[in-house]
Structure formats: structure tokens, C-alpha cells
Protein backbone atom coordinates (compact mmCIF):
# COMPACT_ATOMS: atom_id res chain seq x y z
CA MET A 1 0.00 0.00 0.00
CA THR A 2 1.16 3.55 -0.74
CA THR A 3 2.36 5.62 2.22
CA SER A 4 2.48 9.40 2.13
CA LEU A 5 3.88 11.80 4.72
CA VAL A 6 2.50 15.33 5.16
CA THR A 7 4.38 17.94 7.18
CA GLY A 8 2.03 20.60 8.52
CA GLY A 9 -0.82 18.16 7.95
CA CYS A 10 -3.05 19.56 10.68
CA GLY A 11 -3.31 23.00 9.06
CA PHE A 12 -5.55 24.48 6.38
CA ILE A 13 -4.04 23.11 3.17
CA GLY A 14 -2.27 20.13 4.74
CA SER A 15 -5.42 18.70 6.32
CA HIS A 16 -7.24 18.81 2.98
CA ILE A 17 -4.34 16.94 1.35
CA VAL A 18 -4.55 14.33 4.12
CA ASP A 19 -8.26 13.88 3.43
CA ARG A 20 -7.66 13.35 -0.27
CA LEU A 21 -4.82 10.89 0.31
CA VAL A 22 -7.07 8.76 2.52
CA GLU A 23 -9.71 8.85 -0.23
CA LEU A 24 -7.01 7.58 -2.59
CA ASP A 25 -6.29 4.66 -0.22
CA HIS A 26 -2.94 5.91 1.07
CA ASN A 27 -1.66 5.34 4.55
CA VAL A 28 -0.72 8.79 5.85
CA ILE A 29 1.81 10.02 8.39
CA VAL A 30 1.34 13.60 9.59
CA ILE A 31 4.14 15.56 11.27
CA ASP A 32 2.97 18.82 12.84
CA ASP A 33 4.12 20.68 15.95
CA LEU A 34 0.76 22.49 16.27
CA SER A 35 2.54 25.83 16.61
CA ALA A 36 1.06 27.83 13.72
CA PRO A 37 -0.10 31.05 15.39
CA GLU A 38 -2.70 31.74 12.69
CA ASN A 39 -4.68 28.59 13.48
CA GLU A 40 -7.51 28.74 15.98
CA GLU A 41 -7.83 24.98 15.61
CA PHE A 42 -5.99 22.08 14.03
CA TYR A 43 -7.63 19.38 11.94
CA TYR A 44 -7.46 15.61 12.33
CA HIS A 45 -8.81 12.91 10.06
CA GLU A 46 -11.38 10.68 11.71
CA ASN A 47 -9.80 7.45 10.42
CA LYS A 48 -7.04 6.92 12.97
CA GLU A 49 -6.19 3.52 11.48
CA ARG A 50 -5.11 5.15 8.22
CA VAL A 51 -3.61 8.39 9.56
CA GLN A 52 -0.83 8.53 12.16
CA TYR A 53 -0.18 11.87 13.86
CA ILE A 54 3.32 12.74 15.07
CA ILE A 55 3.57 15.91 17.17
CA LYS A 56 7.14 17.03 16.44
CA ASP A 57 9.06 20.12 15.33
CA ILE A 58 10.91 19.56 12.04
CA VAL A 59 13.68 21.96 13.13
CA GLU A 60 14.22 20.84 16.72
CA ASP A 61 13.27 17.13 16.65
CA ASP A 62 14.72 14.13 14.84
CA CYS A 63 11.92 12.93 12.57
CA SER A 64 14.03 10.66 10.37
CA ASP A 65 12.51 7.34 11.42
CA HIS A 66 9.06 8.49 10.32
CA PHE A 67 10.26 8.71 6.70
CA ASP A 68 11.09 5.00 6.50
CA ASN A 69 9.09 3.23 3.76
CA VAL A 70 7.38 6.48 2.70
CA ASP A 71 6.54 6.87 -1.00
CA TRP A 72 5.60 10.55 -1.23
CA VAL A 73 6.27 13.58 0.98
CA PHE A 74 4.10 16.71 0.92
CA HIS A 75 6.00 19.50 2.68
CA LEU A 76 3.73 22.23 4.01
CA ALA A 77 5.15 22.95 7.50
CA ALA A 78 6.12 26.64 7.46
CA ARG A 79 5.70 30.07 8.93
CA SER A 80 3.11 31.26 6.46
CA ARG A 81 2.08 34.88 6.95
CA ILE A 82 3.89 37.80 5.37
CA GLN A 83 3.40 40.63 7.86
CA PRO A 84 4.36 38.80 11.11
CA THR A 85 7.63 37.60 9.56
CA ILE A 86 8.76 41.20 9.12
CA GLY A 87 8.96 41.44 12.91
CA ASP A 88 10.37 37.93 13.40
CA PRO A 89 12.57 36.98 10.44
CA GLU A 90 14.71 34.51 12.40
CA SER A 91 11.88 32.10 13.21
CA CYS A 92 10.62 32.31 9.64
CA LEU A 93 14.02 31.52 8.13
CA ARG A 94 14.72 28.68 10.56
CA VAL A 95 11.45 26.88 9.89
CA ASN A 96 11.12 27.59 6.19
CA VAL A 97 14.74 27.05 5.14
CA LEU A 98 16.42 24.79 7.69
CA GLY A 99 13.18 22.87 8.21
CA THR A 100 12.92 22.27 4.46
CA GLN A 101 16.52 21.07 4.27
CA ARG A 102 15.91 18.59 7.10
CA VAL A 103 12.76 17.24 5.46
CA LEU A 104 14.62 16.86 2.16
CA GLU A 105 17.50 15.05 3.86
CA TRP A 106 15.22 12.61 5.67
CA SER A 107 13.38 12.02 2.39
CA ARG A 108 16.62 11.42 0.51
CA ILE A 109 18.18 8.98 2.93
CA HIS A 110 14.96 6.95 3.05
CA SER A 111 14.59 6.90 -0.77
CA VAL A 112 11.27 8.74 -0.93
CA ARG A 113 10.08 8.79 -4.53
CA LYS A 114 9.31 12.52 -4.69
CA LEU A 115 8.73 15.54 -2.45
CA ILE A 116 6.04 18.12 -3.23
CA TYR A 117 7.02 21.53 -1.84
CA SER A 118 4.32 24.07 -1.09
CA GLY A 119 5.70 27.36 -2.37
CA THR A 120 4.32 30.87 -2.72
CA SER A 121 3.53 33.35 -5.46
CA SER A 122 4.66 36.21 -3.20
CA LEU A 123 8.26 35.82 -4.41
CA TYR A 124 7.43 37.37 -7.80
CA GLY A 125 7.44 40.80 -6.13
CA LYS A 126 6.81 44.10 -7.93
CA GLN A 127 9.33 44.03 -10.77
CA ASN A 128 7.80 41.21 -12.83
CA ALA A 129 5.13 41.83 -15.44
CA ILE A 130 1.71 40.22 -15.23
CA PRO A 131 1.08 37.31 -15.65
CA PHE A 132 3.76 35.65 -13.54
CA THR A 133 5.65 32.74 -15.09
CA PRO A 134 7.88 30.32 -13.13
CA ASN A 135 11.03 31.36 -15.01
CA MET A 136 10.81 34.98 -13.83
CA PRO A 137 13.51 36.20 -11.42
CA PRO A 138 12.38 36.39 -7.79
CA GLN A 139 11.99 39.71 -6.02
CA CYS A 140 11.54 38.85 -2.36
CA LEU A 141 10.06 41.82 -0.51
CA ASN A 142 9.79 40.28 2.97
CA PRO A 143 11.29 37.46 5.06
CA TYR A 144 8.42 35.11 4.22
CA SER A 145 8.87 35.24 0.45
CA MET A 146 12.66 35.12 0.85
CA SER A 147 12.48 32.05 3.07
CA LYS A 148 10.11 30.21 0.75
CA TRP A 149 12.30 31.00 -2.26
CA MET A 150 15.33 29.74 -0.35
CA GLY A 151 13.39 26.55 0.36
CA GLU A 152 12.91 26.18 -3.39
CA GLN A 153 16.65 26.59 -3.85
CA VAL A 154 17.32 23.79 -1.37
CA CYS A 155 14.97 21.58 -3.41
CA GLU A 156 16.96 22.51 -6.51
CA LEU A 157 20.23 21.72 -4.74
CA TYR A 158 19.02 18.29 -3.67
CA TYR A 159 17.94 17.54 -7.23
CA GLN A 160 21.21 18.71 -8.82
CA LEU A 161 23.56 17.25 -6.20
CA TYR A 162 21.75 14.12 -5.03
CA GLU A 163 19.25 13.49 -7.87
CA PHE A 164 16.44 13.66 -5.35
CA ASN A 165 13.14 14.41 -7.09
CA SER A 166 10.90 17.29 -6.07
CA ILE A 167 8.19 19.51 -7.50
CA VAL A 168 7.59 23.06 -6.30
CA LEU A 169 4.02 24.38 -6.41
CA ARG A 170 3.68 28.14 -6.08
CA TYR A 171 0.24 28.83 -4.66
CA PHE A 172 -1.79 31.93 -5.43
CA ASN A 173 -4.10 33.12 -2.61
CA VAL A 174 -5.65 29.88 -1.45
CA TYR A 175 -9.15 30.03 0.07
CA GLY A 176 -11.84 27.60 1.18
CA PRO A 177 -13.10 25.65 4.21
CA ARG A 178 -10.69 25.66 7.21
CA GLU A 179 -8.93 28.83 5.97
CA PRO A 180 -7.33 30.77 8.84
CA LEU A 181 -9.58 33.41 10.36
CA LYS A 182 -7.49 34.52 13.31
CA GLY A 183 -5.90 37.95 13.64
CA ARG A 184 -5.71 41.05 11.46
CA TYR A 185 -3.30 39.37 9.02
CA ALA A 186 -5.61 36.48 8.15
CA PRO A 187 -5.94 35.75 4.40
CA VAL A 188 -8.31 38.31 2.98
CA ILE A 189 -11.36 36.16 2.22
CA GLY A 190 -11.30 34.54 5.65
CA LEU A 191 -10.72 37.92 7.29
CA PHE A 192 -13.64 39.56 5.48
CA LYS A 193 -15.93 36.63 6.31
CA ARG A 194 -15.02 36.82 9.99
CA GLN A 195 -15.58 40.57 10.04
CA GLU A 196 -18.96 40.18 8.35
CA LEU A 197 -19.98 37.38 10.74
CA GLU A 198 -19.03 39.49 13.75
CA GLU A 199 -20.68 42.57 12.18
CA HIS A 200 -17.40 44.46 12.38
CA PRO A 201 -16.23 46.80 9.61
CA ILE A 202 -14.64 45.07 6.63
CA THR A 203 -11.14 46.52 6.51
CA ILE A 204 -9.64 47.09 3.07
CA VAL A 205 -5.93 47.87 2.90
CA GLY A 206 -5.35 50.97 0.80
CA ASN A 207 -7.80 51.77 -1.99
CA GLY A 208 -8.86 48.16 -2.59
CA LEU A 209 -7.92 48.24 -6.26
CA GLN A 210 -5.08 45.76 -5.76
CA ARG A 211 -5.90 42.51 -7.53
CA ARG A 212 -5.34 38.90 -6.51
CA ASP A 213 -5.59 35.51 -8.23
CA PHE A 214 -7.64 33.37 -5.82
CA THR A 215 -7.34 29.56 -5.88
CA TYR A 216 -9.89 27.24 -4.28
CA ILE A 217 -8.52 24.64 -1.86
CA ASP A 218 -9.79 21.64 -3.86
CA ASP A 219 -7.83 22.86 -6.89
CA VAL A 220 -4.68 23.14 -4.76
CA VAL A 221 -5.16 19.57 -3.54
CA ASP A 222 -5.68 18.43 -7.14
CA ALA A 223 -2.37 20.06 -8.10
CA ASN A 224 -0.53 18.14 -5.38
CA ILE A 225 -1.99 14.84 -6.56
CA CYS A 226 -1.18 15.66 -10.19
CA ALA A 227 2.41 16.36 -9.09
CA ILE A 228 2.94 12.86 -7.70
CA ASN A 229 1.22 11.33 -10.72
CA ALA A 230 3.47 13.21 -13.19
CA LYS A 231 5.94 10.35 -13.49
CA SER A 232 8.01 11.99 -16.24
CA ILE A 233 8.70 15.16 -14.19
CA ASP A 234 11.62 14.67 -11.81
CA HIS A 235 11.93 18.33 -10.82
CA GLY A 236 10.14 21.55 -11.71
CA ILE A 237 8.46 24.73 -10.51
CA TYR A 238 4.80 25.33 -11.29
CA ASN A 239 2.18 27.98 -10.60
CA VAL A 240 -1.09 26.97 -8.99
CA GLY A 241 -3.62 29.72 -9.70
CA THR A 242 -6.57 30.38 -11.99
CA GLY A 243 -5.20 32.96 -14.43
CA LYS A 244 -7.89 35.42 -13.33
CA SER A 245 -7.56 38.23 -10.80
CA PHE A 246 -10.13 40.20 -8.80
CA PRO A 247 -9.91 43.60 -7.06
CA ILE A 248 -10.02 43.34 -3.27
CA ILE A 249 -12.85 45.89 -3.18
CA ASP A 250 -14.94 43.47 -5.27
CA ILE A 251 -14.21 40.66 -2.81
CA ALA A 252 -15.49 42.85 0.01
CA HIS A 253 -18.74 43.53 -1.85
CA MET A 254 -19.21 39.82 -2.61
CA ILE A 255 -19.09 39.07 1.12
CA LYS A 256 -20.66 42.22 2.58
CA ARG A 257 -24.21 41.95 3.91
CA LYS A 258 -24.46 44.04 7.08
CA SER A 259 -20.96 45.32 7.70
CA GLN A 260 -19.57 48.65 6.58
CA ILE A 261 -16.44 48.86 4.44
CA VAL A 262 -13.57 50.94 5.78
CA HIS A 263 -10.12 51.61 4.33
CA ILE A 264 -6.93 51.29 6.36
CA PRO A 265 -3.38 52.44 5.46
CA PRO A 266 -1.37 50.49 2.89
CA ARG A 267 1.12 47.91 4.17
CA PRO A 268 4.77 47.60 3.24
CA ALA A 269 6.00 44.82 0.96
CA GLU A 270 2.68 44.12 -0.75
CA VAL A 271 2.21 44.06 -4.52
CA SER A 272 -0.56 45.62 -6.58
CA GLU A 273 -1.49 42.47 -8.51
CA THR A 274 -0.89 38.75 -8.66
CA LEU A 275 -1.85 36.66 -11.68
CA ALA A 276 -0.69 33.15 -12.52
CA ASP A 277 0.42 31.86 -15.87
CA ILE A 278 -0.52 28.18 -15.59
CA GLU A 279 0.39 27.01 -19.08
CA MET A 280 3.30 24.85 -17.91
CA THR A 281 1.31 23.45 -15.00
CA THR A 282 -1.38 22.31 -17.40
CA LYS A 283 1.13 20.96 -19.93
CA ASP A 284 3.47 19.12 -17.56
CA LEU A 285 1.23 18.11 -14.68
CA GLY A 286 -2.08 17.77 -16.50
CA TRP A 287 -3.72 20.10 -13.97
CA GLN A 288 -6.36 22.76 -14.49
CA PRO A 289 -8.43 24.70 -11.94
CA ARG A 290 -12.01 23.44 -11.74
CA HIS A 291 -13.55 26.10 -9.50
CA SER A 292 -14.29 29.81 -9.94
CA LEU A 293 -14.28 32.45 -7.21
CA ASN A 294 -17.83 33.56 -8.00
CA GLU A 295 -19.03 29.98 -7.60
CA LYS A 296 -17.15 29.18 -4.39
CA ILE A 297 -16.69 32.29 -2.26
CA LEU A 298 -20.06 31.98 -0.48
CA SER A 299 -20.36 28.18 -0.69
CA TYR A 300 -18.79 27.40 2.70
């Protein structure tokens, strides 16, 4: 039977990947230290016979034995919010760079078939023209995007030096059930929904004309499964988005029922638009997004 290991498997994206792997008849090992400050709760699959949970820190603890006889590794454990990392770059770099190297090393020495690295579109920065393609040079504007790009570079190193296979998926603004709602830096759709539910003002950063490419969680999970099924791709970097962007002010009006909309000052290190070019993802991985924002934003 196939065995997959998911780091960060109790969080938003990781827990959905765990669910899908169980549906696909995998045995699943989850490594998570339950430390993500953005999570109000962590998620566990109900089938404890198929999913084993290991509460460990990938930086501080030796997790090597848990990689024995594992076929696929999905690496999601990370510090994952932009603004908090500006005030705490050290923690971000330790988890997202050193943690990634340790996961790659454990995967390599136990002959894992392939690692799927959860990357970020935030590394494209402000200098690159829309739409973003994977071959564009990075422009890291904050410790988060820098650390995630460095994690990609470690994946590249392990492929070039050790011939260890990995695929990097650069996510664009993931949303859906279980999305983080906690704090003022929560992802924008979850933040607006929480503010509307609590009948607090919906807070738009700046003028609200900045645009984002929003990707539904099921499409992100599909991309991860396509990555392990792409047998001819030993290593590569791929965008996971929809190729469509929406102004933040429009997102607020989609969600708004009772709450007022207010504008707050712009934040440093944020770009005006993100938009994914997914041509190579479709060509190499056989993946396409199945869900639209208009269809899904109020469905959960």
C-alpha cells in the first residue's frame, strides 16, 4: 500500500491533502508541531487507522525514522504569513529554510520517490510583469517570500547534487473551508468573512484596487496529486492559480451583507497584482483549476 507523509498536515491546506490521500487509499503520516499562530484549531482525520499523527518540530526534533518506507512527501510545515515575519525573520528563516533542508534530507536517505514543496507566489514581487511565469527572477520583498524562495533553492540543490526528485508548487491566494480566520493578518477572504460574521467593519488595505488571483482549496489539492502522478517530471516549478484576478474591493462587496467597508493604510511589501500563468502546469502536470471564485466564495 502507498504511504504518504505530510508535514504541517493539521493545518488548512495540509489537512485537505490528508483527506484526499485517505480517499485515494494511502496510509498517511502527519508531522505537525501544532505551533502555527494563525490557526484557531488544528484538523485531524477521523480514520485513525489510516492516519498517524506525530507531534514534532521539524527543526528541533529528529523525525528521520518516520520517513522510513514512505513513497511521497508533501512538505507544508512553514511560517506562512507575510506581515508577522517582518517582525520575526529569524523564526521564519529557521522553519522555512532549515526545516525544508531537514525534510529533504530525511526524504533522501529513506529513498522517498518525490517531495512536493508548497511554495508561494509572493516571491514574484513588484518588478515582474503580469502574468507571472515560473522562469521569472524572484523579487523577495519580505522574510516570508525570501524564506520560501530559499526553500525552493534547497529543493533545486538536492535535485542537482543528489538526484532527489521534487516539485515546487507556487500557490496563489488559497481560500476555502478551514482557511485561517485569526488575527488582522488572516488571508483576505477569511478575514472579510469573519468581520462580516461578527458585524465588524470590513477593513480594506489601501484603496482596494489591488488585484489577486484566488485559488480554491480543492484545486490546490488536485495540483498536489497531479504532481505525484506526473511520473516523467523529476523536478520543476509550477504555478497553482486560476489565471484570473479580482480587485479586493470586489471581494469585500461579494461578502458584505451588514458590515460597513472601511479603508486602512497600505502595508509595506505588498504588490498591486498577482496573476498566474498556468500554461506549464497544465502541460506538464495535467492540472487545471475546476472552480471559480464567483461559484465558491459563499459556498462554505
